[in-house]
Amino acid sequence: MKRALTFIIPFTIVFSIGATIWWMTLPPTFPRGEAVAMEVADVYLEQPFVRLEGVAHYEVVLRQKPQGRLFGDDKTYFLFPFFAKNNESDRAIRVMVRTTRPPERLVNYEHMAIEGYLSLPSEVKVPYSSEITIGKRSDYFFTDEMLLLEPWLIESDGEVWRVEDAEVEE
């Protein structure tokens, strides 16, 4: 019995460490579902998988660089407001987009279609200070019903960006 324990205990410890390292290197899970086409003004939390067509406002873009996981790389996230089509004058943010896709340079507005997951903004994903930062930089403000959209697909000007490969397809 003692001879078996001298093998089982170290084996269990090494296996546990290996399984933990493997689990920590897995990419984070991303909720997916069939996206339903909706208007920006009509989004609601009970329909979390949406496809929206509208305008990204790049006048105020927040850059986030949260700490990476133990064996993972740091990622840079970009937060920007998203509004209904042909709406460049609205300043009340109903949908905030958080993505690893960098915004177009030297562009204030970009027309795009986005498929993604809607959720309530959390302190980790949309810090409380972001509303103050956005308010100081411009006249945008968060609405009480603001939702966070994390896209898995962005279509703009004939290009398709997917979160799996983080590449642009022509």
C-alpha atoms as a PDB file:
ATOM      1  CA  MET A   1       0.000   0.000   0.000  1.00  0.00           C
ATOM      2  CA  LYS A   2       2.824   2.423   0.882  1.00  0.00           C
ATOM      3  CA  ARG A   3       4.517   1.651  -2.394  1.00  0.00           C
ATOM      4  CA  ALA A   4       1.313   2.505  -4.299  1.00  0.00           C
ATOM      5  CA  LEU A   5       0.901   5.777  -2.381  1.00  0.00           C
ATOM      6  CA  THR A   6       4.437   6.858  -3.259  1.00  0.00           C
ATOM      7  CA  PHE A   7       3.414   6.597  -6.900  1.00  0.00           C
ATOM      8  CA  ILE A   8      -0.190   7.863  -6.713  1.00  0.00           C
ATOM      9  CA  ILE A   9       0.408  11.054  -4.705  1.00  0.00           C
ATOM     10  CA  PRO A  10       3.188  12.531  -6.926  1.00  0.00           C
ATOM     11  CA  PHE A  11       1.319  11.423 -10.056  1.00  0.00           C
ATOM     12  CA  THR A  12      -1.842  13.171  -8.830  1.00  0.00           C
ATOM     13  CA  ILE A  13       0.077  16.353  -8.026  1.00  0.00           C
ATOM     14  CA  VAL A  14       1.829  16.463 -11.413  1.00  0.00           C
ATOM     15  CA  PHE A  15      -1.406  15.649 -13.254  1.00  0.00           C
ATOM     16  CA  SER A  16      -3.263  18.399 -11.356  1.00  0.00           C
ATOM     17  CA  ILE A  17      -0.602  20.977 -12.172  1.00  0.00           C
ATOM     18  CA  GLY A  18      -0.642  19.974 -15.843  1.00  0.00           C
ATOM     19  CA  ALA A  19      -4.449  20.089 -16.026  1.00  0.00           C
ATOM     20  CA  THR A  20      -4.459  23.526 -14.371  1.00  0.00           C
ATOM     21  CA  ILE A  21      -1.911  24.900 -16.852  1.00  0.00           C
ATOM     22  CA  TRP A  22      -3.892  23.425 -19.761  1.00  0.00           C
ATOM     23  CA  TRP A  23      -7.124  24.968 -18.445  1.00  0.00           C
ATOM     24  CA  MET A  24      -5.480  28.382 -17.988  1.00  0.00           C
ATOM     25  CA  THR A  25      -4.192  28.428 -21.568  1.00  0.00           C
ATOM     26  CA  LEU A  26      -7.585  27.722 -23.119  1.00  0.00           C
ATOM     27  CA  PRO A  27      -9.140  30.707 -24.876  1.00  0.00           C
ATOM     28  CA  PRO A  28     -12.054  32.199 -22.944  1.00  0.00           C
ATOM     29  CA  THR A  29     -15.467  30.876 -23.872  1.00  0.00           C
ATOM     30  CA  PHE A  30     -17.585  33.199 -25.944  1.00  0.00           C
ATOM     31  CA  PRO A  31     -21.363  32.866 -25.926  1.00  0.00           C
ATOM     32  CA  ARG A  32     -22.795  32.241 -29.377  1.00  0.00           C
ATOM     33  CA  GLY A  33     -26.259  31.854 -30.796  1.00  0.00           C
ATOM     34  CA  GLU A  34     -28.365  32.607 -33.836  1.00  0.00           C
ATOM     35  CA  ALA A  35     -28.211  36.375 -34.323  1.00  0.00           C
ATOM     36  CA  VAL A  36     -31.547  38.156 -34.749  1.00  0.00           C
ATOM     37  CA  ALA A  37     -31.627  41.317 -36.898  1.00  0.00           C
ATOM     38  CA  MET A  38     -32.809  44.256 -34.798  1.00  0.00           C
ATOM     39  CA  GLU A  39     -32.708  48.030 -34.723  1.00  0.00           C
ATOM     40  CA  VAL A  40     -30.422  49.735 -32.221  1.00  0.00           C
ATOM     41  CA  ALA A  41     -33.359  51.380 -30.445  1.00  0.00           C
ATOM     42  CA  ASP A  42     -35.175  48.032 -30.069  1.00  0.00           C
ATOM     43  CA  VAL A  43     -32.448  45.924 -28.421  1.00  0.00           C
ATOM     44  CA  TYR A  44     -33.252  44.307 -25.104  1.00  0.00           C
ATOM     45  CA  LEU A  45     -31.416  41.953 -22.785  1.00  0.00           C
ATOM     46  CA  GLU A  46     -33.805  39.010 -23.233  1.00  0.00           C
ATOM     47  CA  GLN A  47     -32.581  38.728 -26.859  1.00  0.00           C
ATOM     48  CA  PRO A  48     -28.813  38.513 -26.283  1.00  0.00           C
ATOM     49  CA  PHE A  49     -27.690  37.451 -29.787  1.00  0.00           C
ATOM     50  CA  VAL A  50     -28.276  40.303 -32.235  1.00  0.00           C
ATOM     51  CA  ARG A  51     -27.293  41.652 -35.624  1.00  0.00           C
ATOM     52  CA  LEU A  52     -27.299  45.433 -35.749  1.00  0.00           C
ATOM     53  CA  GLU A  53     -26.716  47.767 -38.652  1.00  0.00           C
ATOM     54  CA  GLY A  54     -25.679  51.264 -37.810  1.00  0.00           C
ATOM     55  CA  VAL A  55     -22.918  53.779 -37.309  1.00  0.00           C
ATOM     56  CA  ALA A  56     -19.885  53.469 -35.060  1.00  0.00           C
ATOM     57  CA  HIS A  57     -18.860  56.819 -33.588  1.00  0.00           C
ATOM     58  CA  TYR A  58     -15.090  56.974 -33.296  1.00  0.00           C
ATOM     59  CA  GLU A  59     -15.009  60.499 -31.889  1.00  0.00           C
ATOM     60  CA  VAL A  60     -14.541  58.945 -28.458  1.00  0.00           C
ATOM     61  CA  VAL A  61     -12.849  55.566 -28.357  1.00  0.00           C
ATOM     62  CA  LEU A  62     -11.679  54.141 -25.069  1.00  0.00           C
ATOM     63  CA  ARG A  63      -8.741  51.753 -25.082  1.00  0.00           C
ATOM     64  CA  GLN A  64      -8.576  49.038 -22.417  1.00  0.00           C
ATOM     65  CA  LYS A  65      -5.643  46.770 -21.750  1.00  0.00           C
ATOM     66  CA  PRO A  66      -6.664  44.389 -18.963  1.00  0.00           C
ATOM     67  CA  GLN A  67      -4.057  42.094 -17.507  1.00  0.00           C
ATOM     68  CA  GLY A  68      -3.681  38.814 -19.354  1.00  0.00           C
ATOM     69  CA  ARG A  69      -4.113  35.445 -17.791  1.00  0.00           C
ATOM     70  CA  LEU A  70      -1.130  33.603 -16.364  1.00  0.00           C
ATOM     71  CA  PHE A  71      -0.110  31.994 -19.666  1.00  0.00           C
ATOM     72  CA  GLY A  72      -2.152  34.192 -22.014  1.00  0.00           C
ATOM     73  CA  ASP A  73      -1.308  37.383 -23.860  1.00  0.00           C
ATOM     74  CA  ASP A  74      -2.592  40.786 -22.900  1.00  0.00           C
ATOM     75  CA  LYS A  75      -5.339  41.980 -25.226  1.00  0.00           C
ATOM     76  CA  THR A  76      -6.322  45.497 -26.132  1.00  0.00           C
ATOM     77  CA  TYR A  77     -10.051  46.229 -26.231  1.00  0.00           C
ATOM     78  CA  PHE A  78     -11.659  49.232 -27.862  1.00  0.00           C
ATOM     79  CA  LEU A  79     -14.938  50.677 -26.599  1.00  0.00           C
ATOM     80  CA  PHE A  80     -17.002  52.964 -28.800  1.00  0.00           C
ATOM     81  CA  PRO A  81     -20.659  53.995 -29.079  1.00  0.00           C
ATOM     82  CA  PHE A  82     -22.886  52.476 -31.749  1.00  0.00           C
ATOM     83  CA  PHE A  83     -25.973  54.228 -33.116  1.00  0.00           C
ATOM     84  CA  ALA A  84     -28.757  53.605 -35.635  1.00  0.00           C
ATOM     85  CA  LYS A  85     -28.167  54.064 -39.367  1.00  0.00           C
ATOM     86  CA  ASN A  86     -27.862  57.648 -40.629  1.00  0.00           C
ATOM     87  CA  ASN A  87     -27.652  58.961 -37.086  1.00  0.00           C
ATOM     88  CA  GLU A  88     -24.514  61.032 -36.654  1.00  0.00           C
ATOM     89  CA  SER A  89     -26.082  63.607 -34.322  1.00  0.00           C
ATOM     90  CA  ASP A  90     -27.329  61.465 -31.421  1.00  0.00           C
ATOM     91  CA  ARG A  91     -25.235  61.614 -28.244  1.00  0.00           C
ATOM     92  CA  ALA A  92     -27.184  59.312 -25.891  1.00  0.00           C
ATOM     93  CA  ILE A  93     -25.288  56.004 -25.874  1.00  0.00           C
ATOM     94  CA  ARG A  94     -27.701  53.048 -25.904  1.00  0.00           C
ATOM     95  CA  VAL A  95     -25.223  50.445 -27.229  1.00  0.00           C
ATOM     96  CA  MET A  96     -21.518  50.396 -26.416  1.00  0.00           C
ATOM     97  CA  VAL A  97     -19.301  48.056 -28.474  1.00  0.00           C
ATOM     98  CA  ARG A  98     -16.284  46.324 -26.906  1.00  0.00           C
ATOM     99  CA  THR A  99     -14.002  44.630 -29.418  1.00  0.00           C
ATOM    100  CA  THR A 100     -10.381  43.763 -30.133  1.00  0.00           C
ATOM    101  CA  ARG A 101     -10.756  45.175 -33.658  1.00  0.00           C
ATOM    102  CA  PRO A 102      -9.086  48.587 -33.753  1.00  0.00           C
ATOM    103  CA  PRO A 103     -11.196  51.414 -35.188  1.00  0.00           C
ATOM    104  CA  GLU A 104     -10.420  52.904 -38.563  1.00  0.00           C
ATOM    105  CA  ARG A 105      -7.803  55.631 -38.391  1.00  0.00           C
ATOM    106  CA  LEU A 106      -8.679  59.209 -39.330  1.00  0.00           C
ATOM    107  CA  VAL A 107     -12.390  58.332 -39.464  1.00  0.00           C
ATOM    108  CA  ASN A 108     -15.083  59.732 -37.164  1.00  0.00           C
ATOM    109  CA  TYR A 109     -17.981  57.541 -38.305  1.00  0.00           C
ATOM    110  CA  GLU A 110     -18.094  54.074 -39.835  1.00  0.00           C
ATOM    111  CA  HIS A 111     -21.197  52.350 -41.194  1.00  0.00           C
ATOM    112  CA  MET A 112     -21.162  48.668 -40.276  1.00  0.00           C
ATOM    113  CA  ALA A 113     -23.175  45.574 -39.464  1.00  0.00           C
ATOM    114  CA  ILE A 114     -22.316  43.822 -36.205  1.00  0.00           C
ATOM    115  CA  GLU A 115     -23.294  40.389 -34.911  1.00  0.00           C
ATOM    116  CA  GLY A 116     -22.620  39.763 -31.275  1.00  0.00           C
ATOM    117  CA  TYR A 117     -23.626  39.165 -27.702  1.00  0.00           C
ATOM    118  CA  LEU A 118     -25.544  41.765 -25.664  1.00  0.00           C
ATOM    119  CA  SER A 119     -25.029  42.015 -21.919  1.00  0.00           C
ATOM    120  CA  LEU A 120     -25.247  44.500 -19.114  1.00  0.00           C
ATOM    121  CA  PRO A 121     -22.089  46.552 -18.713  1.00  0.00           C
ATOM    122  CA  SER A 122     -19.996  45.469 -15.749  1.00  0.00           C
ATOM    123  CA  GLU A 123     -17.298  47.356 -13.868  1.00  0.00           C
ATOM    124  CA  VAL A 124     -14.662  45.088 -15.444  1.00  0.00           C
ATOM    125  CA  LYS A 125     -15.770  45.615 -19.056  1.00  0.00           C
ATOM    126  CA  VAL A 126     -17.035  49.214 -18.847  1.00  0.00           C
ATOM    127  CA  PRO A 127     -15.445  50.923 -15.844  1.00  0.00           C
ATOM    128  CA  TYR A 128     -17.426  53.608 -14.065  1.00  0.00           C
ATOM    129  CA  SER A 129     -14.762  56.142 -14.961  1.00  0.00           C
ATOM    130  CA  SER A 130     -15.418  55.614 -18.682  1.00  0.00           C
ATOM    131  CA  GLU A 131     -18.595  57.715 -18.595  1.00  0.00           C
ATOM    132  CA  ILE A 132     -16.664  60.564 -17.001  1.00  0.00           C
ATOM    133  CA  THR A 133     -13.874  60.200 -19.550  1.00  0.00           C
ATOM    134  CA  ILE A 134     -16.328  60.185 -22.451  1.00  0.00           C
ATOM    135  CA  GLY A 135     -18.207  63.159 -20.992  1.00  0.00           C
ATOM    136  CA  LYS A 136     -15.001  65.183 -20.670  1.00  0.00           C
ATOM    137  CA  ARG A 137     -13.901  64.425 -24.231  1.00  0.00           C
ATOM    138  CA  SER A 138     -17.262  65.067 -25.870  1.00  0.00           C
ATOM    139  CA  ASP A 139     -20.967  65.571 -25.232  1.00  0.00           C
ATOM    140  CA  TYR A 140     -21.830  61.843 -25.308  1.00  0.00           C
ATOM    141  CA  PHE A 141     -23.521  60.286 -22.279  1.00  0.00           C
ATOM    142  CA  PHE A 142     -24.728  56.833 -21.185  1.00  0.00           C
ATOM    143  CA  THR A 143     -28.437  56.088 -21.040  1.00  0.00           C
ATOM    144  CA  ASP A 144     -29.903  54.140 -18.139  1.00  0.00           C
ATOM    145  CA  GLU A 145     -30.716  51.267 -20.530  1.00  0.00           C
ATOM    146  CA  MET A 146     -27.213  51.061 -22.039  1.00  0.00           C
ATOM    147  CA  LEU A 147     -26.123  47.580 -23.131  1.00  0.00           C
ATOM    148  CA  LEU A 148     -22.702  46.227 -24.021  1.00  0.00           C
ATOM    149  CA  LEU A 149     -22.268  44.496 -27.397  1.00  0.00           C
ATOM    150  CA  GLU A 150     -19.321  42.131 -27.798  1.00  0.00           C
ATOM    151  CA  PRO A 151     -19.159  41.245 -31.501  1.00  0.00           C
ATOM    152  CA  TRP A 152     -18.046  38.039 -33.099  1.00  0.00           C
ATOM    153  CA  LEU A 153     -18.558  39.440 -36.622  1.00  0.00           C
ATOM    154  CA  ILE A 154     -18.164  42.956 -38.050  1.00  0.00           C
ATOM    155  CA  GLU A 155     -18.932  43.775 -41.692  1.00  0.00           C
ATOM    156  CA  SER A 156     -17.803  47.115 -43.059  1.00  0.00           C
ATOM    157  CA  ASP A 157     -17.017  48.321 -46.586  1.00  0.00           C
ATOM    158  CA  GLY A 158     -16.955  44.800 -48.016  1.00  0.00           C
ATOM    159  CA  GLU A 159     -14.601  43.526 -45.320  1.00  0.00           C
ATOM    160  CA  VAL A 160     -15.558  40.894 -42.764  1.00  0.00           C
ATOM    161  CA  TRP A 161     -13.824  40.680 -39.388  1.00  0.00           C
ATOM    162  CA  ARG A 162     -14.368  37.608 -37.216  1.00  0.00           C
ATOM    163  CA  VAL A 163     -13.301  37.184 -33.613  1.00  0.00           C
ATOM    164  CA  GLU A 164     -12.025  33.600 -34.104  1.00  0.00           C
ATOM    165  CA  ASP A 165      -9.157  34.577 -36.319  1.00  0.00           C
ATOM    166  CA  ALA A 166      -9.143  38.340 -35.673  1.00  0.00           C
ATOM    167  CA  GLU A 167      -8.374  38.764 -39.353  1.00  0.00           C
ATOM    168  CA  VAL A 168      -9.999  40.793 -42.089  1.00  0.00           C
ATOM    169  CA  GLU A 169     -11.475  38.903 -45.022  1.00  0.00           C
ATOM    170  CA  GLU A 170     -12.040  40.572 -48.387  1.00  0.00           C
END
